Amino acid sequence: MSDPANNQSYLSVPQVDRYSDDDRYSDDERCSDDDRCSHDGKPSDDSEEGRSSMSVAMVNLVNARMPAFSLLLLPYFIQQGGVMAVIALVFVPCVCVYTGKILIECLYDTENHKRVRDTYKDIGEAVWPKYGGILVTVTQVIQLVLPLCLFLHFGANALSHVVPNFPVTQELLTVAAALLCLPLVYLKTLARVSWVSLTAVVFLLVALLTVLYYCGLMIEHKKWTMEELNIWNFQWVLMSLTIASVTSTHGVLPTLESTLSDRSKFNRILGLSYALSQFTMLTFSLIAFFAFRQNLENLITGRLVVGKLRVVMGVFLFANAVSAYPFNALVLFDVFKKCVIPKNPSHLWPSCNVLKAWLVLLTLIPAIALPHLRLLVVIIGSFCNITITLLLPCYFHLKLKGEHLSYCQTGINYAIIIWALAVGVTSLIASAKNFVEAFL
């Protein structure tokens, strides 16, 4: 039974006991994900090593929640959206924690509390047997691929602004970032990737501290007042809601939960990770907004900080982008193995390693070729991220658990669905308008 202490959450969610499912699965099904590409389909000696502790899972989740390319955008969205944008950046993560918990509940049977589904795709197939699995897999892959493209693009962009007239083009730096990421995607377990994720968090914190130190230098020259914070800007509040959902992690949650050594701690891991990452993001965003105010566009591109601080910021943002890449890549490959590649494909074992290289190439091409990649990601994120983060968890929860839900929780699920549809459609229109204006 799960610890009652784990039941504290932003919104009350009926807890599901997460018993070990060793008695349910056969030996082949108990293989770790990487063992599915082994010759004999049997667990390897280090299959237990692939299980994740609470600290390992939190490090990976915090890393996934704080991509630098989104974090540096937040002060600008606060400037444009005002007080309501700040409220949105607090409210949306709370809703995301709730939908993350009910998403994992959909993996379990209500009656005997056994894990009867393994992936997000399995949940989709249980609700829509014909097309649900395909819809969920495509949406999940898009949600995982887009950040990988931005990691390469953003890291190269940050490094290109380290010194004036940098002799290497951004395209070559993007290729260099991809080459550095290539060996990291061959890490086999989330436990091993967590060490890389930890370095990514450290690199990001150093870059943020560099910006905050520069903010401190600005205190003597600028007066910080609340009068400069707007109350409301409808379009930018919608964009803030979209950005908040873009930093959600629902595409990785089924994989993350499946590797936990103690699955009863999942709710605690999810809540603490979101609280810690969102506190960091909001604190940085508010300080940067009041310090830089009308010069935030240069902060986004990394050109605001000057001198040696710019070098430190650029180098560490590049290092963060490279070291943040493997976690999403590992989850993306896990989705391919579980949802696309047949189980225990011994004849495809060499292709599994080749596929990882192809996935890096798949993210490199858009990072180099697509202009205004960030705006394009916001457009696609308006649909994919809101769908996989807000719409589908609530809808699937109603379909699979509806008979066991209280009237209050049923109402909450329907309210989130209606709200997500409204935000998704309007923010899609607004972001598409910004994308078109960028080419005019």
Protein backbone atom coordinates (compact mmCIF):
# COMPACT_ATOMS: atom_id res chain seq x y z
CA MET A 1 0.00 0.00 0.00
CA SER A 2 1.19 3.52 -0.72
CA ASP A 3 2.24 5.80 2.09
CA PRO A 4 -0.53 8.25 3.05
CA ALA A 5 2.14 10.95 3.17
CA ASN A 6 2.37 10.64 -0.57
CA ASN A 7 -1.24 11.71 -1.00
CA GLN A 8 -0.54 15.42 -0.69
CA SER A 9 -0.96 17.06 -4.04
CA TYR A 10 -2.06 20.24 -5.69
CA LEU A 11 -5.45 18.66 -6.37
CA SER A 12 -6.75 15.58 -4.61
CA VAL A 13 -6.35 12.46 -6.71
CA PRO A 14 -7.43 8.99 -5.58
CA GLN A 15 -4.29 7.00 -5.03
CA VAL A 16 -3.58 3.77 -6.86
CA ASP A 17 -1.45 1.14 -5.17
CA ARG A 18 1.53 0.42 -7.33
CA TYR A 19 2.42 -3.14 -6.48
CA SER A 20 5.33 -4.81 -8.12
CA ASP A 21 4.09 -6.39 -11.31
CA ASP A 22 6.66 -9.18 -11.33
CA ASP A 23 3.88 -11.77 -10.89
CA ARG A 24 2.03 -10.46 -13.89
CA TYR A 25 4.71 -10.35 -16.55
CA SER A 26 6.68 -13.17 -18.04
CA ASP A 27 10.46 -13.27 -18.03
CA ASP A 28 10.62 -11.69 -21.48
CA GLU A 29 8.22 -8.91 -20.49
CA ARG A 30 10.27 -8.14 -17.39
CA CYS A 31 13.31 -7.38 -19.53
CA SER A 32 14.55 -3.85 -19.38
CA ASP A 33 13.89 -1.69 -22.37
CA ASP A 34 17.37 -2.09 -23.75
CA ASP A 35 17.15 -5.86 -23.32
CA ARG A 36 14.37 -5.90 -25.92
CA CYS A 37 17.10 -5.43 -28.47
CA SER A 38 19.18 -8.31 -27.14
CA HIS A 39 19.63 -11.53 -29.06
CA ASP A 40 17.84 -13.84 -26.63
CA GLY A 41 15.28 -11.50 -25.09
CA LYS A 42 16.40 -12.37 -21.54
CA PRO A 43 17.25 -9.84 -18.88
CA SER A 44 20.86 -8.85 -18.66
CA ASP A 45 22.84 -8.94 -15.46
CA ASP A 46 22.42 -5.22 -14.92
CA SER A 47 18.64 -5.13 -15.34
CA GLU A 48 18.28 -4.23 -11.67
CA GLU A 49 20.78 -1.44 -12.17
CA GLY A 50 18.33 0.15 -14.60
CA ARG A 51 15.82 0.80 -11.82
CA SER A 52 15.67 4.44 -10.73
CA SER A 53 15.68 5.77 -7.20
CA MET A 54 13.66 8.78 -6.11
CA SER A 55 16.66 11.11 -6.40
CA VAL A 56 17.54 9.83 -9.88
CA ALA A 57 13.98 10.34 -11.10
CA MET A 58 13.81 13.84 -9.63
CA VAL A 59 17.07 14.89 -11.29
CA ASN A 60 15.84 13.67 -14.67
CA LEU A 61 12.44 15.31 -14.23
CA VAL A 62 13.83 18.66 -13.09
CA ASN A 63 16.21 18.60 -16.06
CA ALA A 64 13.30 17.96 -18.42
CA ARG A 65 11.22 20.69 -16.76
CA MET A 66 13.82 23.46 -17.14
CA PRO A 67 14.97 23.73 -20.75
CA ALA A 68 17.08 26.87 -21.08
CA PHE A 69 15.39 27.92 -24.32
CA SER A 70 12.05 28.21 -22.48
CA LEU A 71 13.49 29.61 -19.27
CA LEU A 72 15.08 32.63 -20.95
CA LEU A 73 11.76 33.39 -22.67
CA LEU A 74 9.80 33.66 -19.44
CA PRO A 75 10.90 37.21 -18.42
CA TYR A 76 9.78 38.46 -21.84
CA PHE A 77 6.39 36.75 -21.47
CA ILE A 78 5.99 38.32 -18.03
CA GLN A 79 6.77 41.71 -19.54
CA GLN A 80 4.15 41.26 -22.25
CA GLY A 81 1.49 39.35 -20.30
CA GLY A 82 1.79 41.14 -16.97
CA VAL A 83 0.40 39.91 -13.67
CA MET A 84 -1.90 37.39 -15.35
CA ALA A 85 1.11 35.79 -17.05
CA VAL A 86 2.73 35.31 -13.62
CA ILE A 87 -0.48 33.74 -12.33
CA ALA A 88 -0.58 31.48 -15.40
CA LEU A 89 2.98 30.34 -14.75
CA VAL A 90 1.90 29.25 -11.26
CA PHE A 91 -1.51 27.82 -12.12
CA VAL A 92 -0.63 25.73 -15.18
CA PRO A 93 2.11 23.64 -13.47
CA CYS A 94 -0.37 22.81 -10.68
CA VAL A 95 -2.81 21.53 -13.27
CA CYS A 96 0.01 19.64 -15.01
CA VAL A 97 0.87 17.85 -11.75
CA TYR A 98 -2.75 16.77 -11.45
CA THR A 99 -2.97 15.53 -15.04
CA GLY A 100 0.38 13.76 -14.67
CA LYS A 101 -0.94 11.82 -11.69
CA ILE A 102 -4.18 10.78 -13.37
CA LEU A 103 -2.24 9.81 -16.50
CA ILE A 104 -0.22 7.30 -14.49
CA GLU A 105 -3.40 6.07 -12.81
CA CYS A 106 -4.66 5.10 -16.26
CA LEU A 107 -1.81 2.57 -16.47
CA TYR A 108 -3.32 0.63 -13.56
CA ASP A 109 -6.43 -1.47 -13.17
CA THR A 110 -8.87 -0.03 -10.65
CA GLU A 111 -10.09 -3.34 -9.24
CA ASN A 112 -6.88 -5.28 -8.50
CA HIS A 113 -4.44 -2.34 -8.58
CA LYS A 114 -2.15 -4.06 -11.09
CA ARG A 115 -0.20 -2.29 -13.83
CA VAL A 116 -2.08 -3.45 -16.92
CA ARG A 117 -0.62 -0.97 -19.41
CA ASP A 118 2.97 -0.06 -20.15
CA THR A 119 2.94 3.04 -22.35
CA TYR A 120 0.94 6.12 -23.24
CA LYS A 121 0.10 4.29 -26.47
CA ASP A 122 -1.50 1.43 -24.51
CA ILE A 123 -3.81 3.91 -22.79
CA GLY A 124 -4.82 5.37 -26.14
CA GLU A 125 -5.55 1.92 -27.55
CA ALA A 126 -7.67 1.05 -24.51
CA VAL A 127 -9.90 4.07 -25.16
CA TRP A 128 -9.78 4.17 -28.97
CA PRO A 129 -8.83 0.63 -30.08
CA LYS A 130 -8.46 1.50 -33.76
CA TYR A 131 -6.61 4.81 -33.93
CA GLY A 132 -5.86 5.76 -30.32
CA GLY A 133 -2.41 4.22 -30.20
CA ILE A 134 -1.33 5.88 -33.44
CA LEU A 135 -2.66 9.30 -32.36
CA VAL A 136 -0.94 9.17 -28.99
CA THR A 137 2.37 7.87 -30.38
CA VAL A 138 2.57 10.55 -33.08
CA THR A 139 1.74 13.31 -30.60
CA GLN A 140 4.18 11.95 -28.03
CA VAL A 141 7.01 11.67 -30.57
CA ILE A 142 6.44 15.26 -31.72
CA GLN A 143 6.48 16.48 -28.12
CA LEU A 144 9.81 14.72 -27.54
CA VAL A 145 11.46 15.63 -30.85
CA LEU A 146 10.80 19.38 -30.71
CA PRO A 147 12.86 20.02 -27.54
CA LEU A 148 15.72 17.97 -28.99
CA CYS A 149 15.77 20.21 -32.06
CA LEU A 150 15.74 23.30 -29.86
CA PHE A 151 18.56 21.98 -27.65
CA LEU A 152 20.87 21.85 -30.67
CA HIS A 153 19.66 25.15 -32.12
CA PHE A 154 19.72 27.06 -28.84
CA GLY A 155 23.08 25.71 -27.69
CA ALA A 156 24.74 26.72 -30.95
CA ASN A 157 23.05 30.12 -30.88
CA ALA A 158 24.24 30.80 -27.32
CA LEU A 159 27.83 29.87 -28.14
CA SER A 160 27.86 31.94 -31.33
CA HIS A 161 27.31 35.11 -29.27
CA VAL A 162 30.20 34.47 -26.89
CA VAL A 163 32.52 36.89 -28.67
CA PRO A 164 31.86 39.46 -31.41
CA ASN A 165 32.51 38.23 -34.96
CA PHE A 166 32.73 34.61 -33.84
CA PRO A 167 34.67 32.83 -36.63
CA VAL A 168 32.48 29.69 -36.70
CA THR A 169 28.99 29.79 -38.18
CA GLN A 170 25.98 28.79 -36.13
CA GLU A 171 25.30 25.89 -38.51
CA LEU A 172 28.72 24.37 -37.78
CA LEU A 173 28.19 24.86 -34.06
CA THR A 174 24.86 23.04 -34.36
CA VAL A 175 26.60 20.11 -36.04
CA ALA A 176 29.26 20.16 -33.31
CA ALA A 177 26.53 20.04 -30.65
CA ALA A 178 24.93 17.04 -32.38
CA LEU A 179 28.27 15.23 -32.53
CA LEU A 180 28.77 15.81 -28.80
CA CYS A 181 25.27 14.49 -28.11
CA LEU A 182 25.77 11.37 -30.24
CA PRO A 183 27.78 9.26 -27.74
CA LEU A 184 25.49 10.34 -24.90
CA VAL A 185 22.37 8.85 -26.51
CA TYR A 186 23.91 5.39 -26.17
CA LEU A 187 23.58 5.50 -22.38
CA LYS A 188 21.23 2.61 -21.65
CA THR A 189 19.37 3.45 -18.45
CA LEU A 190 17.77 6.47 -16.81
CA ALA A 191 20.00 5.87 -13.79
CA ARG A 192 23.08 6.52 -15.94
CA VAL A 193 21.47 9.40 -17.80
CA SER A 194 20.65 11.04 -14.46
CA TRP A 195 24.33 11.89 -13.97
CA VAL A 196 24.32 13.74 -17.28
CA SER A 197 21.02 15.38 -16.32
CA LEU A 198 22.59 16.50 -13.05
CA THR A 199 25.42 18.20 -14.92
CA ALA A 200 22.81 19.83 -17.19
CA VAL A 201 21.05 21.30 -14.15
CA VAL A 202 24.37 22.51 -12.72
CA PHE A 203 25.37 24.12 -16.03
CA LEU A 204 22.00 25.85 -16.25
CA LEU A 205 22.21 27.13 -12.68
CA VAL A 206 25.67 28.58 -13.36
CA ALA A 207 24.32 30.37 -16.44
CA LEU A 208 21.33 31.68 -14.46
CA LEU A 209 23.56 32.82 -11.60
CA THR A 210 25.66 34.68 -14.15
CA VAL A 211 22.55 36.52 -15.33
CA LEU A 212 21.43 37.19 -11.74
CA TYR A 213 24.88 38.54 -10.88
CA TYR A 214 24.57 40.90 -13.81
CA CYS A 215 21.10 41.79 -12.50
CA GLY A 216 22.74 42.74 -9.20
CA LEU A 217 25.05 45.11 -11.02
CA MET A 218 21.98 46.80 -12.49
CA ILE A 219 20.43 47.56 -9.08
CA GLU A 220 22.55 50.68 -8.64
CA HIS A 221 21.38 52.08 -11.97
CA LYS A 222 17.70 51.12 -12.07
CA LYS A 223 14.77 51.37 -9.71
CA TRP A 224 12.64 48.26 -9.45
CA THR A 225 8.91 49.09 -9.25
CA MET A 226 5.73 47.05 -9.63
CA GLU A 227 4.29 49.84 -11.78
CA GLU A 228 6.15 48.47 -14.79
CA LEU A 229 4.33 45.15 -14.55
CA ASN A 230 1.18 45.18 -16.69
CA ILE A 231 -2.04 43.67 -15.42
CA TRP A 232 -3.35 41.97 -18.53
CA ASN A 233 -2.54 41.29 -22.18
CA PHE A 234 -4.83 38.63 -23.60
CA GLN A 235 -2.59 37.41 -26.43
CA TRP A 236 0.54 37.12 -24.32
CA VAL A 237 -1.28 35.49 -21.42
CA LEU A 238 -2.34 32.78 -23.88
CA MET A 239 1.25 32.47 -25.06
CA SER A 240 2.38 32.16 -21.44
CA LEU A 241 -0.09 29.33 -20.93
CA THR A 242 1.35 27.61 -23.99
CA ILE A 243 4.95 28.07 -22.83
CA ALA A 244 4.02 26.70 -19.40
CA SER A 245 2.57 23.58 -21.03
CA VAL A 246 5.60 23.26 -23.33
CA THR A 247 7.77 22.74 -20.24
CA SER A 248 5.54 19.88 -19.11
CA THR A 249 6.91 16.35 -19.06
CA HIS A 250 3.93 14.09 -19.68
CA GLY A 251 5.54 12.44 -22.68
CA VAL A 252 8.25 11.01 -20.42
CA LEU A 253 6.15 10.14 -17.36
CA PRO A 254 5.12 6.56 -18.31
CA THR A 255 8.76 5.65 -18.99
CA LEU A 256 9.97 7.40 -15.85
CA GLU A 257 7.36 5.72 -13.64
CA SER A 258 8.00 2.29 -15.14
CA THR A 259 11.69 2.42 -14.14
CA LEU A 260 11.14 3.48 -10.51
CA SER A 261 12.35 1.03 -7.89
CA ASP A 262 9.44 2.19 -5.67
CA ARG A 263 6.49 3.30 -7.77
CA SER A 264 4.49 4.37 -4.73
CA LYS A 265 6.76 7.46 -4.58
CA PHE A 266 5.81 8.67 -8.05
CA ASN A 267 3.30 11.30 -6.88
CA ARG A 268 5.82 12.72 -4.44
CA ILE A 269 8.52 12.81 -7.12
CA LEU A 270 6.21 14.56 -9.56
CA GLY A 271 5.03 17.18 -7.06
CA LEU A 272 8.47 17.97 -5.66
CA SER A 273 10.09 18.15 -9.10
CA TYR A 274 7.48 20.55 -10.42
CA ALA A 275 7.57 22.69 -7.28
CA LEU A 276 11.37 22.94 -7.26
CA SER A 277 11.73 23.64 -10.98
CA GLN A 278 8.84 26.11 -11.13
CA PHE A 279 10.11 28.03 -8.10
CA THR A 280 13.51 28.35 -9.79
CA MET A 281 11.99 29.41 -13.11
CA LEU A 282 9.61 31.96 -11.60
CA THR A 283 12.24 33.48 -9.30
CA PHE A 284 14.70 33.91 -12.15
CA SER A 285 12.02 35.29 -14.47
CA LEU A 286 10.82 37.97 -12.06
CA ILE A 287 14.33 39.12 -11.12
CA ALA A 288 15.41 39.23 -14.77
CA PHE A 289 12.25 41.13 -15.73
CA PHE A 290 12.71 43.86 -13.13
CA ALA A 291 16.45 44.14 -13.86
CA PHE A 292 16.36 44.28 -17.66
CA ARG A 293 12.83 45.45 -18.45
CA GLN A 294 12.94 46.91 -21.96
CA ASN A 295 16.08 45.02 -22.96
CA LEU A 296 14.74 41.51 -22.57
CA GLU A 297 15.01 40.57 -26.24
CA ASN A 298 18.80 40.71 -25.94
CA LEU A 299 18.61 38.51 -22.85
CA ILE A 300 16.78 35.86 -24.88
CA THR A 301 19.51 35.82 -27.53
CA GLY A 302 22.33 35.92 -24.97
CA ARG A 303 23.66 39.27 -26.18
CA LEU A 304 22.72 41.33 -23.13
CA VAL A 305 25.44 40.20 -20.73
CA VAL A 306 28.80 41.60 -21.81
CA GLY A 307 32.48 40.85 -21.34
CA LYS A 308 33.66 37.75 -19.52
CA LEU A 309 30.17 37.15 -18.14
CA ARG A 310 28.91 36.68 -21.68
CA VAL A 311 31.58 34.05 -22.29
CA VAL A 312 30.62 32.20 -19.10
CA MET A 313 26.92 32.38 -19.92
CA GLY A 314 27.36 31.24 -23.53
CA VAL A 315 29.66 28.33 -22.72
CA PHE A 316 27.48 27.02 -19.91
CA LEU A 317 24.27 27.37 -21.92
CA PHE A 318 25.90 25.36 -24.70
CA ALA A 319 27.05 22.74 -22.19
CA ASN A 320 23.54 22.64 -20.72
CA ALA A 321 21.97 22.08 -24.12
CA VAL A 322 24.29 19.15 -24.88
CA SER A 323 23.90 17.49 -21.48
CA ALA A 324 20.11 18.01 -21.37
CA TYR A 325 19.72 16.21 -24.70
CA PRO A 326 20.21 12.53 -23.63
CA PHE A 327 17.20 12.24 -21.30
CA ASN A 328 14.60 13.20 -23.90
CA ALA A 329 16.50 11.16 -26.50
CA LEU A 330 16.43 8.05 -24.30
CA VAL A 331 12.69 8.42 -23.69
CA LEU A 332 12.10 9.01 -27.40
CA PHE A 333 14.01 5.85 -28.25
CA ASP A 334 12.05 3.99 -25.57
CA VAL A 335 8.82 5.10 -27.27
CA PHE A 336 10.13 3.85 -30.62
CA LYS A 337 11.07 0.48 -29.14
CA LYS A 338 7.82 -0.07 -27.29
CA CYS A 339 5.41 1.42 -29.80
CA VAL A 340 7.02 1.05 -33.22
CA ILE A 341 9.60 -1.77 -33.15
CA PRO A 342 8.24 -5.30 -32.50
CA LYS A 343 8.97 -6.83 -29.09
CA ASN A 344 12.18 -8.85 -28.73
CA PRO A 345 13.36 -8.15 -32.30
CA SER A 346 16.57 -10.18 -32.18
CA HIS A 347 17.04 -9.77 -35.92
CA LEU A 348 16.83 -5.98 -35.52
CA TRP A 349 19.47 -5.71 -32.79
CA PRO A 350 22.09 -3.97 -34.99
CA SER A 351 19.39 -1.58 -36.24
CA CYS A 352 18.61 -0.43 -32.69
CA ASN A 353 22.00 1.27 -32.40
CA VAL A 354 21.73 2.70 -35.90
CA LEU A 355 18.31 4.12 -35.01
CA LYS A 356 19.84 6.23 -32.25
CA ALA A 357 22.19 7.85 -34.73
CA TRP A 358 19.26 8.46 -37.07
CA LEU A 359 17.31 10.11 -34.26
CA VAL A 360 20.17 12.56 -33.68
CA LEU A 361 20.22 13.30 -37.42
CA LEU A 362 16.43 13.71 -37.37
CA THR A 363 16.75 16.49 -34.79
CA LEU A 364 19.81 18.07 -36.41
CA ILE A 365 18.18 18.78 -39.78
CA PRO A 366 15.35 21.01 -38.46
CA ALA A 367 17.77 22.73 -36.07
CA ILE A 368 19.84 23.84 -39.07
CA ALA A 369 17.30 24.18 -41.85
CA LEU A 370 14.18 25.71 -40.30
CA PRO A 371 14.08 29.50 -39.87
CA HIS A 372 12.34 30.90 -36.79
CA LEU A 373 12.44 27.47 -35.18
CA ARG A 374 11.30 28.76 -31.80
CA LEU A 375 8.12 30.29 -33.22
CA LEU A 376 7.41 27.09 -35.14
CA VAL A 377 7.84 25.05 -31.98
CA VAL A 378 5.37 27.31 -30.15
CA ILE A 379 2.82 26.78 -32.93
CA ILE A 380 3.14 23.00 -32.87
CA GLY A 381 3.35 23.02 -29.08
CA SER A 382 0.01 24.83 -28.95
CA PHE A 383 -1.54 21.63 -30.25
CA CYS A 384 0.73 18.74 -29.26
CA ASN A 385 1.74 19.77 -25.76
CA ILE A 386 -1.69 20.91 -24.65
CA THR A 387 -3.18 17.73 -26.13
CA ILE A 388 -0.79 15.31 -24.46
CA THR A 389 -0.53 17.29 -21.21
CA LEU A 390 -4.08 18.44 -20.53
CA LEU A 391 -6.66 17.04 -22.93
CA LEU A 392 -5.78 13.35 -23.24
CA PRO A 393 -5.03 12.60 -19.55
CA CYS A 394 -8.39 14.04 -18.45
CA TYR A 395 -10.32 12.39 -21.28
CA PHE A 396 -8.66 9.00 -20.80
CA HIS A 397 -9.19 9.24 -17.05
CA LEU A 398 -12.92 9.84 -17.56
CA LYS A 399 -13.19 6.92 -19.97
CA LEU A 400 -11.16 4.39 -17.99
CA LYS A 401 -11.95 5.44 -14.41
CA GLY A 402 -15.23 7.33 -14.80
CA GLU A 403 -17.34 4.87 -12.80
CA HIS A 404 -15.06 5.24 -9.79
CA LEU A 405 -14.64 9.05 -9.82
CA SER A 406 -16.43 11.47 -7.53
CA TYR A 407 -18.64 14.19 -8.98
CA CYS A 408 -16.02 16.73 -7.97
CA GLN A 409 -13.17 15.05 -9.82
CA THR A 410 -15.36 14.41 -12.86
CA GLY A 411 -16.19 18.11 -12.92
CA ILE A 412 -12.50 19.02 -12.61
CA ASN A 413 -11.61 16.79 -15.55
CA TYR A 414 -14.31 18.29 -17.76
CA ALA A 415 -13.33 21.81 -16.73
CA ILE A 416 -9.68 21.17 -17.68
CA ILE A 417 -10.76 19.73 -21.05
CA ILE A 418 -12.90 22.78 -21.89
CA TRP A 419 -10.24 25.19 -20.68
CA ALA A 420 -7.47 23.39 -22.58
CA LEU A 421 -9.49 23.42 -25.82
CA ALA A 422 -10.10 27.15 -25.51
CA VAL A 423 -6.46 27.92 -24.71
CA GLY A 424 -5.14 25.57 -27.39
CA VAL A 425 -7.22 27.01 -30.22
CA THR A 426 -6.72 30.67 -29.33
CA SER A 427 -2.98 30.33 -28.64
CA LEU A 428 -2.57 28.39 -31.89
CA ILE A 429 -4.10 31.30 -33.79
CA ALA A 430 -2.00 33.86 -31.90
CA SER A 431 1.29 31.99 -32.36
CA ALA A 432 0.54 31.36 -36.04
CA LYS A 433 -0.02 35.09 -36.47
CA ASN A 434 3.36 35.84 -34.86
CA PHE A 435 5.02 33.26 -37.11
CA VAL A 436 3.56 34.84 -40.25
CA GLU A 437 4.57 38.33 -39.11
CA ALA A 438 8.16 37.13 -38.64
CA PHE A 439 8.42 36.53 -42.40
CA LEU A 440 6.82 39.84 -43.40
